Amino acid sequence: MQAANEPVIVARGADHKLRAFSNVCRHRAGPVATGAGCRKSFQCGYHGWSYGLDGHLAGTREFEGVECFEKGDHGLPQFAVDTWNSLVFVNIDPASMPLETFLGGITEKLKSRDLSSMRFAARKDWYVDCNWKVYVDNYLEGYHIPIVHPSLNREIDYSQYRTETDRYYSIQHSPLKKETANRIRMSGNPSADEAQFFWIFPNLMLNVYPDNYSTNLIIPVGPERTLTVFEWYFRDPDKPDVQAKLHETIEFSDEIQIEGIPDGGETAALDYIEISREAAAVP
């Protein structure tokens, strides 16, 4: 992964502590890890220097006797890392504010939704031919929904659609149509039967529904090319009945996404991957 063009590794060590490091070997700048999985150490694929999961420099091939060199001075640079529900945040700025301060009132506003009980269920990548800021700008207003997204408009009570803003986020609220909604499952709890669309500065979105939520991570890959990473979170995602709901939710999400592509525009989606967060986590 990358944070502000910095290659980053996130790993949980033998002490169960989550850490984030620069994914750049201190020798000749090769990557020390690729992909995701379980390892007891990192190793650069260029010259074989190895590092512990706590970032310390563990092995340096054929480096015995080198003067003015101490292994302890050449560990991987470490960055601030924190978690919120099932999401992991990395900040490479040592002077940055704590994540809790940055999120402000979001945690309290979502307290009744119990997002912490939901686990990663699936991922799907979309590539869209537009500048990333255009994608974000479109997300930040619901004014276009009745015209551009008829499928979503059938589910929500647009007459009560409202937006609230804060320093680093905005929230778009809409009750669900109890009479006609059938693509968004209701909970039976009036306070939870609402769609909430969160934007967190600058490029993270949370789409919160009664029985699930999804994230959109907006990544620029060129001046007119954007990668949108969709990830869905459900309670007990491995259960067969929940898997069926997951497929329905992704199908509905795809429909909304396609509606938002102007005629003549180009988009491409990679097949989604269903895995458990435990299987994907680096130890």
Protein backbone atom coordinates (compact mmCIF):
# COMPACT_ATOMS: atom_id res chain seq x y z
CA MET A 1 0.00 0.00 0.00
CA GLN A 2 0.98 3.65 -0.32
CA ALA A 3 0.35 6.72 1.82
CA ALA A 4 1.09 10.02 0.07
CA ASN A 5 3.39 8.19 -2.38
CA GLU A 6 5.28 6.51 0.47
CA PRO A 7 5.35 2.67 0.20
CA VAL A 8 4.02 1.34 3.51
CA ILE A 9 3.87 -2.03 5.28
CA VAL A 10 1.37 -2.69 8.07
CA ALA A 11 2.09 -5.74 10.21
CA ARG A 12 1.17 -7.23 13.56
CA GLY A 13 4.19 -8.53 15.44
CA ALA A 14 4.60 -11.50 17.75
CA ASP A 15 3.66 -9.14 20.58
CA HIS A 16 0.30 -8.56 18.78
CA LYS A 17 1.10 -4.88 18.35
CA LEU A 18 0.14 -3.31 15.02
CA ARG A 19 2.91 -1.26 13.38
CA ALA A 20 3.43 0.60 10.12
CA PHE A 21 6.80 0.95 8.36
CA SER A 22 8.33 2.32 5.20
CA ASN A 23 8.45 -0.49 2.66
CA VAL A 24 11.91 0.58 1.50
CA CYS A 25 15.08 -1.33 2.34
CA ARG A 26 17.73 0.82 4.04
CA HIS A 27 20.42 -0.58 1.75
CA ARG A 28 19.45 0.10 -1.88
CA ALA A 29 15.75 1.02 -1.55
CA GLY A 30 14.19 -2.25 -2.72
CA PRO A 31 10.78 -3.30 -1.31
CA VAL A 32 10.97 -5.61 1.69
CA ALA A 33 7.43 -6.99 1.35
CA THR A 34 4.76 -7.50 -1.32
CA GLY A 35 1.12 -8.52 -1.14
CA ALA A 36 -0.47 -9.76 2.09
CA GLY A 37 -0.02 -12.84 4.24
CA CYS A 38 1.80 -14.34 7.21
CA ARG A 39 5.57 -14.01 7.68
CA LYS A 40 8.00 -13.99 10.57
CA SER A 41 10.22 -11.36 8.93
CA PHE A 42 10.57 -9.06 5.93
CA GLN A 43 13.28 -9.60 3.31
CA CYS A 44 14.39 -7.34 0.49
CA GLY A 45 14.28 -9.10 -2.87
CA TYR A 46 17.30 -7.16 -4.13
CA HIS A 47 20.18 -8.08 -1.79
CA GLY A 48 18.42 -10.10 0.88
CA TRP A 49 18.58 -7.74 3.86
CA SER A 50 15.99 -8.84 6.41
CA TYR A 51 13.97 -7.06 9.08
CA GLY A 52 11.94 -8.16 12.07
CA LEU A 53 8.21 -7.48 12.34
CA ASP A 54 9.11 -4.73 14.80
CA GLY A 55 11.19 -3.06 12.05
CA HIS A 56 14.68 -3.80 13.38
CA LEU A 57 17.40 -4.73 10.87
CA ALA A 58 18.01 -8.44 11.45
CA GLY A 59 20.28 -9.68 8.67
CA THR A 60 22.80 -8.15 6.27
CA ARG A 61 24.38 -10.63 3.85
CA GLU A 62 28.18 -10.41 3.46
CA PHE A 63 28.39 -7.23 5.51
CA GLU A 64 30.73 -8.45 8.22
CA GLY A 65 33.54 -6.05 9.03
CA VAL A 66 32.00 -2.97 7.39
CA GLU A 67 33.25 0.05 9.31
CA CYS A 68 31.03 2.77 10.80
CA PHE A 69 27.93 0.59 10.46
CA GLU A 70 25.57 -0.36 13.28
CA LYS A 71 22.52 -2.51 12.57
CA GLY A 72 20.58 -0.76 15.29
CA ASP A 73 20.76 2.52 13.36
CA HIS A 74 19.21 1.14 10.19
CA GLY A 75 15.79 -0.22 11.04
CA LEU A 76 12.75 0.56 8.92
CA PRO A 77 11.29 4.04 9.54
CA GLN A 78 8.08 3.69 11.55
CA PHE A 79 4.83 5.65 11.06
CA ALA A 80 1.80 6.36 13.21
CA VAL A 81 -0.90 3.68 12.87
CA ASP A 82 -4.32 3.39 14.49
CA THR A 83 -7.55 1.45 14.04
CA TRP A 84 -11.20 2.40 13.98
CA ASN A 85 -13.69 -0.46 13.84
CA SER A 86 -12.22 -2.79 11.16
CA LEU A 87 -10.29 -0.03 9.40
CA VAL A 88 -6.56 0.68 9.72
CA PHE A 89 -5.23 4.22 9.29
CA VAL A 90 -1.58 5.15 8.69
CA ASN A 91 -0.16 8.69 8.92
CA ILE A 92 3.38 9.43 7.76
CA ASP A 93 3.40 12.93 9.28
CA PRO A 94 4.97 12.77 12.78
CA ALA A 95 3.24 16.03 13.71
CA SER A 96 -0.23 14.80 12.77
CA MET A 97 -3.18 14.89 15.17
CA PRO A 98 -4.42 11.61 16.70
CA LEU A 99 -6.94 9.68 14.61
CA GLU A 100 -9.66 10.14 17.24
CA THR A 101 -9.26 13.92 17.03
CA PHE A 102 -9.31 13.85 13.24
CA LEU A 103 -12.51 11.79 13.10
CA GLY A 104 -14.20 14.21 15.45
CA GLY A 105 -17.85 13.34 16.12
CA ILE A 106 -18.08 10.47 13.62
CA THR A 107 -17.50 7.81 16.27
CA GLU A 108 -20.35 9.08 18.42
CA LYS A 109 -22.69 9.47 15.45
CA LEU A 110 -22.13 5.84 14.45
CA LYS A 111 -22.20 4.39 17.96
CA SER A 112 -25.74 3.00 17.60
CA ARG A 113 -24.81 1.23 14.34
CA ASP A 114 -22.30 -1.08 16.07
CA LEU A 115 -19.89 -1.16 13.13
CA SER A 116 -17.26 -2.83 15.31
CA SER A 117 -19.23 -6.10 15.09
CA MET A 118 -18.94 -6.17 11.28
CA ARG A 119 -16.07 -7.92 9.49
CA PHE A 120 -14.53 -7.61 6.06
CA ALA A 121 -16.54 -9.61 3.51
CA ALA A 122 -15.52 -8.61 -0.03
CA ARG A 123 -13.57 -6.18 -2.19
CA LYS A 124 -14.06 -4.88 -5.71
CA ASP A 125 -11.89 -2.44 -7.67
CA TRP A 126 -13.39 -0.01 -10.17
CA TYR A 127 -11.39 2.09 -12.64
CA VAL A 128 -13.16 5.19 -13.93
CA ASP A 129 -11.97 7.67 -16.55
CA CYS A 130 -12.19 10.88 -14.55
CA ASN A 131 -10.06 12.97 -12.22
CA TRP A 132 -10.29 11.76 -8.63
CA LYS A 133 -11.52 15.16 -7.41
CA VAL A 134 -14.46 14.96 -9.83
CA TYR A 135 -15.39 11.58 -8.34
CA VAL A 136 -15.26 13.00 -4.81
CA ASP A 137 -17.16 16.15 -5.80
CA ASN A 138 -19.95 14.01 -7.23
CA TYR A 139 -20.18 11.99 -4.03
CA LEU A 140 -20.51 15.09 -1.87
CA GLU A 141 -24.04 15.97 -2.99
CA GLY A 142 -27.29 14.07 -3.34
CA TYR A 143 -28.88 16.65 -5.65
CA HIS A 144 -28.20 14.41 -8.66
CA ILE A 145 -29.70 11.22 -7.18
CA PRO A 146 -33.25 11.51 -8.64
CA ILE A 147 -31.82 12.06 -12.12
CA VAL A 148 -28.69 9.90 -12.19
CA HIS A 149 -29.49 7.09 -9.73
CA PRO A 150 -33.13 5.98 -10.14
CA SER A 151 -32.41 2.64 -8.47
CA LEU A 152 -31.13 4.34 -5.31
CA ASN A 153 -33.85 6.98 -5.46
CA ARG A 154 -36.49 4.24 -5.26
CA GLU A 155 -35.01 3.12 -1.94
CA ILE A 156 -34.54 6.42 -0.10
CA ASP A 157 -36.92 9.18 0.95
CA TYR A 158 -35.29 11.95 -1.03
CA SER A 159 -37.74 14.55 0.31
CA GLN A 160 -35.98 14.23 3.69
CA TYR A 161 -32.42 14.08 2.34
CA ARG A 162 -30.08 16.34 4.30
CA THR A 163 -26.35 17.02 4.59
CA GLU A 164 -24.31 18.06 7.62
CA THR A 165 -20.70 19.16 7.50
CA ASP A 166 -17.81 19.32 9.93
CA ARG A 167 -14.12 20.23 9.76
CA TYR A 168 -12.86 17.02 8.18
CA TYR A 169 -16.01 15.17 7.17
CA SER A 170 -19.56 15.45 5.89
CA ILE A 171 -22.60 13.19 6.30
CA GLN A 172 -25.53 12.80 3.94
CA HIS A 173 -28.62 11.34 5.62
CA SER A 174 -31.72 9.86 4.08
CA PRO A 175 -34.49 7.75 5.63
CA LEU A 176 -35.44 4.63 3.71
CA LYS A 177 -38.83 4.25 2.04
CA LYS A 178 -40.55 1.71 4.23
CA GLU A 179 -43.28 1.14 1.66
CA THR A 180 -41.16 0.49 -1.42
CA ALA A 181 -37.56 -0.20 -0.35
CA ASN A 182 -36.51 -3.76 -1.17
CA ARG A 183 -32.85 -3.52 -2.27
CA ILE A 184 -31.69 -2.05 1.06
CA ARG A 185 -32.66 -4.34 3.93
CA MET A 186 -34.22 -2.69 6.98
CA SER A 187 -33.58 -3.51 10.62
CA GLY A 188 -36.99 -2.73 12.08
CA ASN A 189 -35.36 -0.08 14.26
CA PRO A 190 -36.58 3.35 13.03
CA SER A 191 -33.41 5.10 14.22
CA ALA A 192 -31.23 2.72 12.19
CA ASP A 193 -33.39 2.49 9.06
CA GLU A 194 -31.53 5.30 7.38
CA ALA A 195 -28.83 5.48 4.73
CA GLN A 196 -25.79 7.50 5.80
CA PHE A 197 -23.05 8.52 3.39
CA PHE A 198 -19.87 9.74 5.10
CA TRP A 199 -17.01 11.51 3.37
CA ILE A 200 -13.76 11.73 5.35
CA PHE A 201 -11.15 14.16 4.02
CA PRO A 202 -9.68 13.75 1.51
CA ASN A 203 -10.58 10.46 -0.20
CA LEU A 204 -12.41 7.99 2.07
CA MET A 205 -16.15 7.32 1.97
CA LEU A 206 -18.37 5.17 4.19
CA ASN A 207 -21.78 4.03 2.99
CA VAL A 208 -23.70 2.91 6.07
CA TYR A 209 -26.89 0.86 5.84
CA PRO A 210 -28.91 -1.00 8.52
CA ASP A 211 -27.13 -4.37 8.15
CA ASN A 212 -23.79 -3.50 6.53
CA TYR A 213 -21.40 -0.78 5.53
CA SER A 214 -18.95 -0.31 2.70
CA THR A 215 -15.93 1.89 2.16
CA ASN A 216 -14.80 3.63 -1.02
CA LEU A 217 -11.13 4.54 -1.13
CA ILE A 218 -10.53 6.97 -3.99
CA ILE A 219 -7.03 6.69 -5.48
CA PRO A 220 -5.76 8.86 -8.35
CA VAL A 221 -3.80 6.84 -10.91
CA GLY A 222 -3.48 9.65 -13.47
CA PRO A 223 -4.91 13.08 -14.27
CA GLU A 224 -8.00 11.46 -15.85
CA ARG A 225 -7.98 8.02 -14.25
CA THR A 226 -9.29 7.00 -10.84
CA LEU A 227 -9.25 3.74 -8.90
CA THR A 228 -12.12 3.27 -6.48
CA VAL A 229 -11.61 0.42 -4.01
CA PHE A 230 -14.92 -0.87 -2.64
CA GLU A 231 -14.88 -3.01 0.51
CA TRP A 232 -17.97 -4.43 2.24
CA TYR A 233 -18.39 -5.29 5.92
CA PHE A 234 -21.09 -7.56 7.36
CA ARG A 235 -21.80 -9.39 10.60
CA ASP A 236 -20.93 -13.10 10.28
CA PRO A 237 -19.95 -12.79 6.61
CA ASP A 238 -19.12 -16.50 6.26
CA LYS A 239 -22.70 -17.65 6.92
CA PRO A 240 -24.56 -18.82 3.77
CA ASP A 241 -27.52 -16.46 4.31
CA VAL A 242 -25.16 -13.52 4.80
CA GLN A 243 -23.23 -14.50 1.66
CA ALA A 244 -26.51 -14.27 -0.25
CA LYS A 245 -27.12 -10.78 1.17
CA LEU A 246 -23.55 -9.83 0.27
CA HIS A 247 -24.08 -10.81 -3.37
CA GLU A 248 -27.32 -8.81 -3.50
CA THR A 249 -25.60 -5.79 -1.97
CA ILE A 250 -22.70 -5.90 -4.43
CA GLU A 251 -25.10 -6.27 -7.34
CA PHE A 252 -27.03 -3.19 -6.19
CA SER A 253 -23.80 -1.26 -5.64
CA ASP A 254 -22.64 -2.14 -9.17
CA GLU A 255 -25.92 -0.86 -10.57
CA ILE A 256 -25.51 2.48 -8.79
CA GLN A 257 -21.90 2.74 -9.92
CA ILE A 258 -22.76 2.08 -13.57
CA GLU A 259 -25.59 4.63 -13.47
CA GLY A 260 -23.02 7.26 -12.48
CA ILE A 261 -20.84 6.73 -15.58
CA PRO A 262 -21.80 9.27 -18.27
CA ASP A 263 -22.77 7.95 -21.70
CA GLY A 264 -19.64 7.33 -23.68
CA GLY A 265 -17.49 7.10 -20.56
CA GLU A 266 -15.31 4.11 -19.88
CA THR A 267 -15.17 2.07 -16.71
CA ALA A 268 -13.75 -1.29 -15.77
CA ALA A 269 -14.36 -3.43 -12.73
CA LEU A 270 -12.27 -6.30 -11.43
CA ASP A 271 -14.13 -9.29 -10.04
CA TYR A 272 -14.60 -8.99 -6.32
CA ILE A 273 -12.65 -11.10 -3.88
CA GLU A 274 -14.29 -12.63 -0.84
CA ILE A 275 -11.87 -13.30 2.00
CA SER A 276 -11.92 -13.01 5.76
CA ARG A 277 -10.02 -10.17 7.40
CA GLU A 278 -8.22 -12.75 9.57
CA ALA A 279 -6.91 -14.58 6.52
CA ALA A 280 -5.79 -11.36 4.88
CA ALA A 281 -4.11 -9.84 7.92
CA VAL A 282 -0.34 -9.81 8.17
CA PRO A 283 0.59 -11.31 11.58
